Amino acid sequence: MVFPSNQPIPVLARFKPYLSTAGLAFLIFYFGFHAFTGDRGLLTSGQRNETLAAKRLELTQLQIQRRDLEVRARLLRDASLSADLLEERARSLLGYSDPRDYVIRIRR
C-alpha cells in the first residue's frame, strides 16, 4: 500500500508486518507458561507425587479394611457361623455386656 508522502502513515499499516510475529510470540509464551505452571505442569510434579503417595497409603489401608470385613462376613455365613463373632456383634448392636466384661466407653 503506497501512501502519499504528505500524509502520515496509519498506525495499523505501520505495524502490520509485525502482527503475525507478535501473535506467534504470544502463543509460544501462553503455552510455555501453562506447560510450567498449569494443573499438570512441570512445576507441580512434586505436589502430584505427594498426592500419589497419600492415595497409595489410603488404598493399602482400604485393602486391609476390606480383607478384614470379608473375613468377618465369611464367619457370619450359615456354613461357618462363629458363635463368638455372633455374640460379639449381638452385644455391640444391642448394647449388652456380660457381667464379667469390663466396659470402657470411648467418646467419638
Protein backbone atom coordinates (compact mmCIF):
# COMPACT_ATOMS: atom_id res chain seq x y z
CA MET A 1 0.00 0.00 0.00
CA VAL A 2 1.55 3.28 -1.08
CA PHE A 3 0.72 6.47 0.80
CA PRO A 4 1.44 9.95 -0.48
CA SER A 5 4.44 11.49 1.25
CA ASN A 6 2.45 14.39 2.68
CA GLN A 7 0.03 12.15 4.71
CA PRO A 8 1.12 10.34 7.88
CA ILE A 9 1.17 6.53 7.72
CA PRO A 10 -1.65 4.98 9.79
CA VAL A 11 -0.54 3.10 12.92
CA LEU A 12 -2.06 -0.22 11.84
CA ALA A 13 -0.32 -0.08 8.48
CA ARG A 14 2.99 0.64 10.23
CA PHE A 15 2.76 -2.45 12.50
CA LYS A 16 1.01 -4.80 10.04
CA PRO A 17 4.19 -6.71 9.08
CA TYR A 18 4.87 -7.50 12.76
CA LEU A 19 1.37 -8.68 13.75
CA SER A 20 1.90 -12.32 12.77
CA THR A 21 5.24 -12.43 14.63
CA ALA A 22 3.67 -10.86 17.73
CA GLY A 23 0.76 -13.33 17.60
CA LEU A 24 3.13 -16.28 17.29
CA ALA A 25 5.27 -14.97 20.16
CA PHE A 26 2.15 -14.58 22.32
CA LEU A 27 1.05 -18.18 21.58
CA ILE A 28 4.51 -19.53 22.42
CA PHE A 29 4.55 -17.58 25.69
CA TYR A 30 0.99 -18.68 26.57
CA PHE A 31 1.57 -22.39 26.01
CA GLY A 32 5.02 -22.25 27.61
CA PHE A 33 3.64 -20.55 30.71
CA HIS A 34 0.90 -23.15 31.13
CA ALA A 35 3.32 -26.01 30.46
CA PHE A 36 5.25 -24.93 33.55
CA THR A 37 2.52 -23.67 35.89
CA GLY A 38 -0.68 -25.43 34.78
CA ASP A 39 -2.52 -28.20 36.66
CA ARG A 40 -0.29 -30.80 35.02
CA GLY A 41 2.72 -28.56 34.54
CA LEU A 42 6.35 -29.27 35.28
CA LEU A 43 6.38 -27.23 38.49
CA THR A 44 3.53 -29.20 40.08
CA SER A 45 5.13 -32.65 39.74
CA GLY A 46 6.21 -32.63 43.42
CA GLN A 47 2.67 -31.97 44.56
CA ARG A 48 1.41 -34.75 42.26
CA ASN A 49 3.94 -37.17 43.76
CA GLU A 50 2.83 -36.28 47.30
CA THR A 51 -0.81 -36.78 46.36
CA LEU A 52 0.02 -40.10 44.70
CA ALA A 53 1.86 -41.32 47.82
CA ALA A 54 -1.07 -40.31 50.04
CA LYS A 55 -3.56 -42.08 47.75
CA ARG A 56 -1.42 -45.24 47.72
CA LEU A 57 -1.34 -45.24 51.52
CA GLU A 58 -5.11 -44.79 51.62
CA LEU A 59 -5.50 -47.65 49.12
CA THR A 60 -3.45 -50.05 51.25
CA GLN A 61 -5.47 -49.11 54.35
CA LEU A 62 -8.73 -49.69 52.47
CA GLN A 63 -7.48 -53.03 51.16
CA ILE A 64 -6.63 -54.14 54.71
CA GLN A 65 -10.04 -52.99 55.94
CA ARG A 66 -11.74 -54.83 53.07
CA ARG A 67 -9.90 -58.07 53.84
CA ASP A 68 -10.96 -57.79 57.48
CA LEU A 69 -14.58 -57.20 56.52
CA GLU A 70 -14.52 -60.12 54.09
CA VAL A 71 -13.23 -62.42 56.84
CA ARG A 72 -15.93 -61.19 59.23
CA ALA A 73 -18.63 -61.64 56.58
CA ARG A 74 -17.38 -65.15 55.83
CA LEU A 75 -17.59 -66.04 59.53
CA LEU A 76 -21.20 -64.80 59.71
CA ARG A 77 -22.41 -67.08 56.89
CA ASP A 78 -24.53 -70.10 57.77
CA ALA A 79 -21.93 -72.65 56.67
CA SER A 80 -19.24 -71.40 59.02
CA LEU A 81 -21.02 -69.41 61.72
CA SER A 82 -18.69 -68.38 64.51
CA ALA A 83 -20.52 -68.28 67.85
CA ASP A 84 -18.01 -65.85 69.35
CA LEU A 85 -18.32 -63.38 66.50
CA LEU A 86 -22.10 -63.65 66.51
CA GLU A 87 -22.19 -62.99 70.27
CA GLU A 88 -19.82 -60.04 69.93
CA ARG A 89 -21.91 -58.44 67.16
CA ALA A 90 -25.19 -59.02 69.03
CA ARG A 91 -23.81 -57.43 72.19
CA SER A 92 -22.39 -54.43 70.36
CA LEU A 93 -25.60 -53.82 68.39
CA LEU A 94 -27.93 -54.34 71.34
CA GLY A 95 -25.71 -52.61 73.89
CA TYR A 96 -25.47 -55.57 76.28
CA SER A 97 -22.44 -56.85 78.09
CA ASP A 98 -21.61 -59.90 80.13
CA PRO A 99 -21.37 -59.29 83.91
CA ARG A 100 -17.75 -60.45 83.79
CA ASP A 101 -16.83 -57.98 80.99
CA TYR A 102 -15.08 -54.69 81.51
CA VAL A 103 -16.72 -51.89 79.52
CA ILE A 104 -14.63 -48.90 78.51
CA ARG A 105 -16.55 -46.10 76.85
CA ILE A 106 -14.74 -44.06 74.24
CA ARG A 107 -16.08 -40.70 73.10
CA ARG A 108 -16.12 -40.21 69.33
